[in-house]
PDB file of N, CA and C in Angstrom:
ATOM      1  N   MET A   1       0.840  -1.164   0.000  1.00  0.00           N
ATOM      2  CA  MET A   1       0.000   0.000   0.000  1.00  0.00           C
ATOM      3  C   MET A   1       0.889   1.232   0.000  1.00  0.00           C
ATOM      4  N   GLN A   2       0.429   2.299  -0.625  1.00  0.00           N
ATOM      5  CA  GLN A   2       1.149   3.573  -0.628  1.00  0.00           C
ATOM      6  C   GLN A   2       0.432   4.535   0.309  1.00  0.00           C
ATOM      7  N   ALA A   3       1.210   5.429   0.913  1.00  0.00           N
ATOM      8  CA  ALA A   3       0.614   6.394   1.832  1.00  0.00           C
ATOM      9  C   ALA A   3       1.368   7.710   1.746  1.00  0.00           C
ATOM     10  N   LEU A   4       0.701   8.776   2.174  1.00  0.00           N
ATOM     11  CA  LEU A   4       1.320  10.094   2.295  1.00  0.00           C
ATOM     12  C   LEU A   4       1.888  10.164   3.703  1.00  0.00           C
ATOM     13  N   LEU A   5       3.216  10.135   3.808  1.00  0.00           N
ATOM     14  CA  LEU A   5       3.908  10.063   5.091  1.00  0.00           C
ATOM     15  C   LEU A   5       4.624  11.363   5.415  1.00  0.00           C
ATOM     16  N   THR A   6       4.812  11.611   6.705  1.00  0.00           N
ATOM     17  CA  THR A   6       5.669  12.694   7.170  1.00  0.00           C
ATOM     18  C   THR A   6       6.336  12.247   8.463  1.00  0.00           C
ATOM     19  N   THR A   7       7.456  12.856   8.782  1.00  0.00           N
ATOM     20  CA  THR A   7       8.117  12.629  10.063  1.00  0.00           C
ATOM     21  C   THR A   7       7.760  13.812  10.952  1.00  0.00           C
ATOM     22  N   PRO A   8       6.865  13.617  11.935  1.00  0.00           N
ATOM     23  CA  PRO A   8       6.417  14.730  12.766  1.00  0.00           C
ATOM     24  C   PRO A   8       7.576  15.479  13.418  1.00  0.00           C
ATOM     25  N   GLY A   9       7.428  16.805  13.459  1.00  0.00           N
ATOM     26  CA  GLY A   9       8.459  17.653  14.047  1.00  0.00           C
ATOM     27  C   GLY A   9       9.565  18.039  13.082  1.00  0.00           C
ATOM     28  N   ARG A  10       9.521  17.505  11.861  1.00  0.00           N
ATOM     29  CA  ARG A  10      10.552  17.795  10.858  1.00  0.00           C
ATOM     30  C   ARG A  10       9.872  18.274   9.579  1.00  0.00           C
ATOM     31  N   ALA A  11       9.925  19.564   9.329  1.00  0.00           N
ATOM     32  CA  ALA A  11       9.331  20.141   8.122  1.00  0.00           C
ATOM     33  C   ALA A  11      10.033  19.602   6.875  1.00  0.00           C
ATOM     34  N   GLY A  12       9.292  19.507   5.782  1.00  0.00           N
ATOM     35  CA  GLY A  12       9.878  19.098   4.505  1.00  0.00           C
ATOM     36  C   GLY A  12      10.083  17.604   4.354  1.00  0.00           C
ATOM     37  N   THR A  13       9.430  16.780   5.163  1.00  0.00           N
ATOM     38  CA  THR A  13       9.628  15.331   5.065  1.00  0.00           C
ATOM     39  C   THR A  13       8.438  14.600   4.442  1.00  0.00           C
ATOM     40  N   VAL A  14       7.457  15.351   3.936  1.00  0.00           N
ATOM     41  CA  VAL A  14       6.274  14.710   3.345  1.00  0.00           C
ATOM     42  C   VAL A  14       6.665  14.002   2.049  1.00  0.00           C
ATOM     43  N   ARG A  15       6.154  12.783   1.904  1.00  0.00           N
ATOM     44  CA  ARG A  15       6.443  12.002   0.703  1.00  0.00           C
ATOM     45  C   ARG A  15       5.398  10.909   0.555  1.00  0.00           C
ATOM     46  N   VAL A  16       5.227  10.437  -0.664  1.00  0.00           N
ATOM     47  CA  VAL A  16       4.408   9.253  -0.934  1.00  0.00           C
ATOM     48  C   VAL A  16       5.375   8.083  -0.964  1.00  0.00           C
ATOM     49  N   ALA A  17       5.088   7.068  -0.155  1.00  0.00           N
ATOM     50  CA  ALA A  17       6.001   5.933  -0.053  1.00  0.00           C
ATOM     51  C   ALA A  17       5.219   4.673   0.284  1.00  0.00           C
ATOM     52  N   PRO A  18       5.786   3.521  -0.062  1.00  0.00           N
ATOM     53  CA  PRO A  18       5.133   2.269   0.318  1.00  0.00           C
ATOM     54  C   PRO A  18       5.182   2.101   1.841  1.00  0.00           C
ATOM     55  N   THR A  19       4.142   1.513   2.373  1.00  0.00           N
ATOM     56  CA  THR A  19       4.086   1.226   3.798  1.00  0.00           C
ATOM     57  C   THR A  19       3.305  -0.062   3.989  1.00  0.00           C
ATOM     58  N   GLN A  20       3.496  -0.701   5.125  1.00  0.00           N
ATOM     59  CA  GLN A  20       2.791  -1.951   5.382  1.00  0.00           C
ATOM     60  C   GLN A  20       1.340  -1.676   5.718  1.00  0.00           C
ATOM     61  N   GLU A  21       0.486  -2.564   5.266  1.00  0.00           N
ATOM     62  CA  GLU A  21      -0.929  -2.447   5.580  1.00  0.00           C
ATOM     63  C   GLU A  21      -1.094  -2.683   7.076  1.00  0.00           C
ATOM     64  N   PRO A  22      -1.777  -1.767   7.773  1.00  0.00           N
ATOM     65  CA  PRO A  22      -1.918  -1.928   9.224  1.00  0.00           C
ATOM     66  C   PRO A  22      -2.813  -3.104   9.579  1.00  0.00           C
ATOM     67  N   ALA A  23      -2.510  -3.726  10.695  1.00  0.00           N
ATOM     68  CA  ALA A  23      -3.357  -4.799  11.219  1.00  0.00           C
ATOM     69  C   ALA A  23      -4.337  -4.171  12.199  1.00  0.00           C
ATOM     70  N   GLY A  24      -5.602  -4.319  11.939  1.00  0.00           N
ATOM     71  CA  GLY A  24      -6.609  -3.726  12.814  1.00  0.00           C
ATOM     72  C   GLY A  24      -6.866  -4.595  14.033  1.00  0.00           C
ATOM     73  N   PRO A  25      -7.483  -4.009  15.045  1.00  0.00           N
ATOM     74  CA  PRO A  25      -7.838  -4.786  16.233  1.00  0.00           C
ATOM     75  C   PRO A  25      -8.948  -5.782  15.907  1.00  0.00           C
ATOM     76  N   GLY A  26      -9.163  -6.746  16.768  1.00  0.00           N
ATOM     77  CA  GLY A  26     -10.239  -7.709  16.574  1.00  0.00           C
ATOM     78  C   GLY A  26     -11.573  -7.005  16.394  1.00  0.00           C
ATOM     79  N   GLY A  27     -12.364  -7.457  15.444  1.00  0.00           N
ATOM     80  CA  GLY A  27     -13.658  -6.851  15.190  1.00  0.00           C
ATOM     81  C   GLY A  27     -13.618  -5.664  14.246  1.00  0.00           C
ATOM     82  N   ALA A  28     -12.427  -5.261  13.801  1.00  0.00           N
ATOM     83  CA  ALA A  28     -12.300  -4.130  12.879  1.00  0.00           C
ATOM     84  C   ALA A  28     -12.787  -4.545  11.490  1.00  0.00           C
ATOM     85  N   ILE A  29     -13.269  -3.573  10.727  1.00  0.00           N
ATOM     86  CA  ILE A  29     -13.649  -3.857   9.348  1.00  0.00           C
ATOM     87  C   ILE A  29     -12.579  -3.308   8.412  1.00  0.00           C
ATOM     88  N   ARG A  30     -12.382  -3.986   7.290  1.00  0.00           N
ATOM     89  CA  ARG A  30     -11.394  -3.537   6.303  1.00  0.00           C
ATOM     90  C   ARG A  30     -12.055  -2.612   5.305  1.00  0.00           C
ATOM     91  N   LEU A  31     -11.333  -1.525   4.976  1.00  0.00           N
ATOM     92  CA  LEU A  31     -11.822  -0.551   4.009  1.00  0.00           C
ATOM     93  C   LEU A  31     -10.841  -0.425   2.856  1.00  0.00           C
ATOM     94  N   ARG A  32     -11.364  -0.152   1.684  1.00  0.00           N
ATOM     95  CA  ARG A  32     -10.543   0.210   0.527  1.00  0.00           C
ATOM     96  C   ARG A  32     -10.724   1.709   0.361  1.00  0.00           C
ATOM     97  N   THR A  33      -9.638   2.443   0.460  1.00  0.00           N
ATOM     98  CA  THR A  33      -9.700   3.902   0.355  1.00  0.00           C
ATOM     99  C   THR A  33      -9.972   4.300  -1.090  1.00  0.00           C
ATOM    100  N   LEU A  34     -10.967   5.159  -1.278  1.00  0.00           N
ATOM    101  CA  LEU A  34     -11.328   5.642  -2.608  1.00  0.00           C
ATOM    102  C   LEU A  34     -10.829   7.068  -2.833  1.00  0.00           C
ATOM    103  N   GLU A  35     -10.970   7.917  -1.842  1.00  0.00           N
ATOM    104  CA  GLU A  35     -10.561   9.324  -1.925  1.00  0.00           C
ATOM    105  C   GLU A  35      -9.983   9.741  -0.575  1.00  0.00           C
ATOM    106  N   VAL A  36      -8.981  10.624  -0.602  1.00  0.00           N
ATOM    107  CA  VAL A  36      -8.383  11.144   0.625  1.00  0.00           C
ATOM    108  C   VAL A  36      -8.306  12.658   0.520  1.00  0.00           C
ATOM    109  N   GLY A  37      -8.670  13.335   1.604  1.00  0.00           N
ATOM    110  CA  GLY A  37      -8.533  14.784   1.673  1.00  0.00           C
ATOM    111  C   GLY A  37      -7.379  15.141   2.587  1.00  0.00           C
ATOM    112  N   VAL A  38      -6.614  16.121   2.183  1.00  0.00           N
ATOM    113  CA  VAL A  38      -5.534  16.632   3.022  1.00  0.00           C
ATOM    114  C   VAL A  38      -5.991  18.012   3.486  1.00  0.00           C
ATOM    115  N   CYS A  39      -6.142  18.176   4.793  1.00  0.00           N
ATOM    116  CA  CYS A  39      -6.715  19.398   5.344  1.00  0.00           C
ATOM    117  C   CYS A  39      -5.643  20.274   5.998  1.00  0.00           C
ATOM    118  N   GLY A  40      -6.095  21.354   6.598  1.00  0.00           N
ATOM    119  CA  GLY A  40      -5.186  22.283   7.267  1.00  0.00           C
ATOM    120  C   GLY A  40      -4.406  21.637   8.390  1.00  0.00           C
ATOM    121  N   THR A  41      -5.018  20.711   9.116  1.00  0.00           N
ATOM    122  CA  THR A  41      -4.306  20.000  10.180  1.00  0.00           C
ATOM    123  C   THR A  41      -3.139  19.213   9.602  1.00  0.00           C
ATOM    124  N   ASP A  42      -3.385  18.503   8.490  1.00  0.00           N
ATOM    125  CA  ASP A  42      -2.306  17.747   7.839  1.00  0.00           C
ATOM    126  C   ASP A  42      -1.181  18.685   7.415  1.00  0.00           C
ATOM    127  N   ARG A  43      -1.533  19.845   6.882  1.00  0.00           N
ATOM    128  CA  ARG A  43      -0.520  20.813   6.453  1.00  0.00           C
ATOM    129  C   ARG A  43       0.323  21.284   7.630  1.00  0.00           C
ATOM    130  N   GLU A  44      -0.309  21.559   8.765  1.00  0.00           N
ATOM    131  CA  GLU A  44       0.433  21.993   9.950  1.00  0.00           C
ATOM    132  C   GLU A  44       1.364  20.895  10.459  1.00  0.00           C
ATOM    133  N   ILE A  45       0.899  19.647  10.428  1.00  0.00           N
ATOM    134  CA  ILE A  45       1.765  18.524  10.821  1.00  0.00           C
ATOM    135  C   ILE A  45       2.938  18.428   9.855  1.00  0.00           C
ATOM    136  N   ALA A  46       2.678  18.569   8.556  1.00  0.00           N
ATOM    137  CA  ALA A  46       3.730  18.495   7.534  1.00  0.00           C
ATOM    138  C   ALA A  46       4.759  19.612   7.694  1.00  0.00           C
ATOM    139  N   GLU A  47       4.321  20.760   8.211  1.00  0.00           N
ATOM    140  CA  GLU A  47       5.238  21.882   8.442  1.00  0.00           C
ATOM    141  C   GLU A  47       6.034  21.718   9.729  1.00  0.00           C
ATOM    142  N   GLY A  48       5.781  20.638  10.465  1.00  0.00           N
ATOM    143  CA  GLY A  48       6.538  20.364  11.687  1.00  0.00           C
ATOM    144  C   GLY A  48       5.964  21.020  12.925  1.00  0.00           C
ATOM    145  N   ALA A  49       4.744  21.599  12.846  1.00  0.00           N
ATOM    146  CA  ALA A  49       4.168  22.328  13.971  1.00  0.00           C
ATOM    147  C   ALA A  49       3.811  21.406  15.139  1.00  0.00           C
ATOM    148  N   PHE A  50       3.328  20.218  14.850  1.00  0.00           N
ATOM    149  CA  PHE A  50       2.978  19.265  15.900  1.00  0.00           C
ATOM    150  C   PHE A  50       2.755  17.901  15.272  1.00  0.00           C
ATOM    151  N   GLY A  51       2.343  16.956  16.073  1.00  0.00           N
ATOM    152  CA  GLY A  51       2.070  15.606  15.588  1.00  0.00           C
ATOM    153  C   GLY A  51       2.998  14.604  16.229  1.00  0.00           C
ATOM    154  N   ALA A  52       2.550  13.380  16.294  1.00  0.00           N
ATOM    155  CA  ALA A  52       3.340  12.292  16.868  1.00  0.00           C
ATOM    156  C   ALA A  52       3.036  11.015  16.102  1.00  0.00           C
ATOM    157  N   PRO A  53       4.057  10.245  15.801  1.00  0.00           N
ATOM    158  CA  PRO A  53       3.816   8.972  15.117  1.00  0.00           C
ATOM    159  C   PRO A  53       3.272   7.943  16.108  1.00  0.00           C
ATOM    160  N   PRO A  54       2.702   6.854  15.611  1.00  0.00           N
ATOM    161  CA  PRO A  54       2.282   5.772  16.508  1.00  0.00           C
ATOM    162  C   PRO A  54       3.484   5.204  17.262  1.00  0.00           C
ATOM    163  N   ASP A  55       3.236   4.604  18.409  1.00  0.00           N
ATOM    164  CA  ASP A  55       4.308   3.994  19.202  1.00  0.00           C
ATOM    165  C   ASP A  55       5.143   3.047  18.347  1.00  0.00           C
ATOM    166  N   GLY A  56       6.453   3.189  18.435  1.00  0.00           N
ATOM    167  CA  GLY A  56       7.372   2.324  17.708  1.00  0.00           C
ATOM    168  C   GLY A  56       7.601   2.714  16.264  1.00  0.00           C
ATOM    169  N   GLU A  57       6.996   3.796  15.803  1.00  0.00           N
ATOM    170  CA  GLU A  57       7.137   4.245  14.410  1.00  0.00           C
ATOM    171  C   GLU A  57       7.822   5.602  14.360  1.00  0.00           C
ATOM    172  N   GLU A  58       8.454   5.908  13.232  1.00  0.00           N
ATOM    173  CA  GLU A  58       9.084   7.211  13.022  1.00  0.00           C
ATOM    174  C   GLU A  58       8.169   8.142  12.238  1.00  0.00           C
ATOM    175  N   ASP A  59       7.334   7.569  11.381  1.00  0.00           N
ATOM    176  CA  ASP A  59       6.505   8.363  10.478  1.00  0.00           C
ATOM    177  C   ASP A  59       5.031   8.292  10.849  1.00  0.00           C
ATOM    178  N   LEU A  60       4.291   9.275  10.343  1.00  0.00           N
ATOM    179  CA  LEU A  60       2.859   9.384  10.547  1.00  0.00           C
ATOM    180  C   LEU A  60       2.203   9.441   9.171  1.00  0.00           C
ATOM    181  N   ILE A  61       1.111   8.711   8.981  1.00  0.00           N
ATOM    182  CA  ILE A  61       0.360   8.753   7.730  1.00  0.00           C
ATOM    183  C   ILE A  61      -0.617   9.921   7.794  1.00  0.00           C
ATOM    184  N   LEU A  62      -0.570  10.786   6.787  1.00  0.00           N
ATOM    185  CA  LEU A  62      -1.474  11.927   6.704  1.00  0.00           C
ATOM    186  C   LEU A  62      -2.741  11.541   5.942  1.00  0.00           C
ATOM    187  N   GLY A  63      -3.790  12.364   6.079  1.00  0.00           N
ATOM    188  CA  GLY A  63      -5.013  12.158   5.310  1.00  0.00           C
ATOM    189  C   GLY A  63      -6.098  11.463   6.098  1.00  0.00           C
ATOM    190  N   HIS A  64      -6.541  12.063   7.193  1.00  0.00           N
ATOM    191  CA  HIS A  64      -7.553  11.431   8.035  1.00  0.00           C
ATOM    192  C   HIS A  64      -8.975  11.675   7.539  1.00  0.00           C
ATOM    193  N   GLU A  65      -9.144  12.477   6.497  1.00  0.00           N
ATOM    194  CA  GLU A  65     -10.456  12.683   5.895  1.00  0.00           C
ATOM    195  C   GLU A  65     -10.515  11.845   4.622  1.00  0.00           C
ATOM    196  N   PHE A  66     -11.425  10.880   4.587  1.00  0.00           N
ATOM    197  CA  PHE A  66     -11.416   9.951   3.465  1.00  0.00           C
ATOM    198  C   PHE A  66     -12.806   9.413   3.166  1.00  0.00           C
ATOM    199  N   LEU A  67     -12.921   8.821   1.990  1.00  0.00           N
ATOM    200  CA  LEU A  67     -14.085   8.046   1.595  1.00  0.00           C
ATOM    201  C   LEU A  67     -13.584   6.638   1.333  1.00  0.00           C
ATOM    202  N   GLY A  68     -14.219   5.654   1.947  1.00  0.00           N
ATOM    203  CA  GLY A  68     -13.785   4.276   1.778  1.00  0.00           C
ATOM    204  C   GLY A  68     -14.951   3.352   1.480  1.00  0.00           C
ATOM    205  N   GLU A  69     -14.623   2.194   0.947  1.00  0.00           N
ATOM    206  CA  GLU A  69     -15.601   1.156   0.654  1.00  0.00           C
ATOM    207  C   GLU A  69     -15.331  -0.027   1.577  1.00  0.00           C
ATOM    208  N   VAL A  70     -16.374  -0.527   2.242  1.00  0.00           N
ATOM    209  CA  VAL A  70     -16.238  -1.679   3.129  1.00  0.00           C
ATOM    210  C   VAL A  70     -15.910  -2.906   2.284  1.00  0.00           C
ATOM    211  N   MET A  71     -14.812  -3.571   2.635  1.00  0.00           N
ATOM    212  CA  MET A  71     -14.370  -4.753   1.878  1.00  0.00           C
ATOM    213  C   MET A  71     -15.112  -6.020   2.319  1.00  0.00           C
ATOM    214  N   ASP A  72     -15.238  -6.215   3.612  1.00  0.00           N
ATOM    215  CA  ASP A  72     -15.909  -7.387   4.173  1.00  0.00           C
ATOM    216  C   ASP A  72     -16.951  -6.878   5.164  1.00  0.00           C
ATOM    217  N   GLY A  73     -18.116  -7.480   5.156  1.00  0.00           N
ATOM    218  CA  GLY A  73     -19.162  -7.041   6.067  1.00  0.00           C
ATOM    219  C   GLY A  73     -18.799  -7.280   7.524  1.00  0.00           C
ATOM    220  N   GLY A  74     -19.469  -6.556   8.398  1.00  0.00           N
ATOM    221  CA  GLY A  74     -19.270  -6.723   9.836  1.00  0.00           C
ATOM    222  C   GLY A  74     -19.585  -5.445  10.570  1.00  0.00           C
ATOM    223  N   GLY A  75     -19.867  -5.544  11.849  1.00  0.00           N
ATOM    224  CA  GLY A  75     -20.110  -4.365  12.666  1.00  0.00           C
ATOM    225  C   GLY A  75     -21.278  -3.522  12.194  1.00  0.00           C
ATOM    226  N   GLY A  76     -22.254  -4.141  11.553  1.00  0.00           N
ATOM    227  CA  GLY A  76     -23.397  -3.396  11.045  1.00  0.00           C
ATOM    228  C   GLY A  76     -23.219  -2.862   9.636  1.00  0.00           C
ATOM    229  N   PHE A  77     -22.074  -3.164   9.016  1.00  0.00           N
ATOM    230  CA  PHE A  77     -21.806  -2.722   7.647  1.00  0.00           C
ATOM    231  C   PHE A  77     -21.806  -3.922   6.718  1.00  0.00           C
ATOM    232  N   SER A  78     -22.142  -3.665   5.446  1.00  0.00           N
ATOM    233  CA  SER A  78     -22.107  -4.698   4.413  1.00  0.00           C
ATOM    234  C   SER A  78     -21.005  -4.396   3.418  1.00  0.00           C
ATOM    235  N   ALA A  79     -20.450  -5.433   2.818  1.00  0.00           N
ATOM    236  CA  ALA A  79     -19.455  -5.240   1.771  1.00  0.00           C
ATOM    237  C   ALA A  79     -20.035  -4.316   0.708  1.00  0.00           C
ATOM    238  N   GLY A  80     -19.262  -3.317   0.289  1.00  0.00           N
ATOM    239  CA  GLY A  80     -19.701  -2.366  -0.720  1.00  0.00           C
ATOM    240  C   GLY A  80     -20.245  -1.077  -0.154  1.00  0.00           C
ATOM    241  N   ASP A  81     -20.564  -1.042   1.160  1.00  0.00           N
ATOM    242  CA  ASP A  81     -21.024   0.222   1.767  1.00  0.00           C
ATOM    243  C   ASP A  81     -19.934   1.269   1.669  1.00  0.00           C
ATOM    244  N   LEU A  82     -20.340   2.514   1.440  1.00  0.00           N
ATOM    245  CA  LEU A  82     -19.414   3.638   1.439  1.00  0.00           C
ATOM    246  C   LEU A  82     -19.428   4.277   2.813  1.00  0.00           C
ATOM    247  N   VAL A  83     -18.243   4.576   3.359  1.00  0.00           N
ATOM    248  CA  VAL A  83     -18.127   5.130   4.706  1.00  0.00           C
ATOM    249  C   VAL A  83     -17.084   6.236   4.724  1.00  0.00           C
ATOM    250  N   THR A  84     -17.168   7.067   5.746  1.00  0.00           N
ATOM    251  CA  THR A  84     -16.183   8.113   5.954  1.00  0.00           C
ATOM    252  C   THR A  84     -15.952   8.238   7.457  1.00  0.00           C
ATOM    253  N   ALA A  85     -14.849   8.864   7.823  1.00  0.00           N
ATOM    254  CA  ALA A  85     -14.539   9.044   9.253  1.00  0.00           C
ATOM    255  C   ALA A  85     -15.312  10.222   9.790  1.00  0.00           C
TER     256      ALA A  85
END
């Protein structure tokens, strides 16, 4: 999978790069991302203003505003449903 990554606290580190597909917790549903929005918060993180990567990681994936398609049903969703955060 490819993602828009940055190293929080370091301006000028935004890049598109391959990354491992995250493993969700038990009961999580899988989504296929269709569209991603990069907002003002993402821009501020990219400029090094704030942000923190997940524990054990150096980089943070940007783009928390998205449209996704449910891959497998579960949790009240059916395969093919469109969802957003």
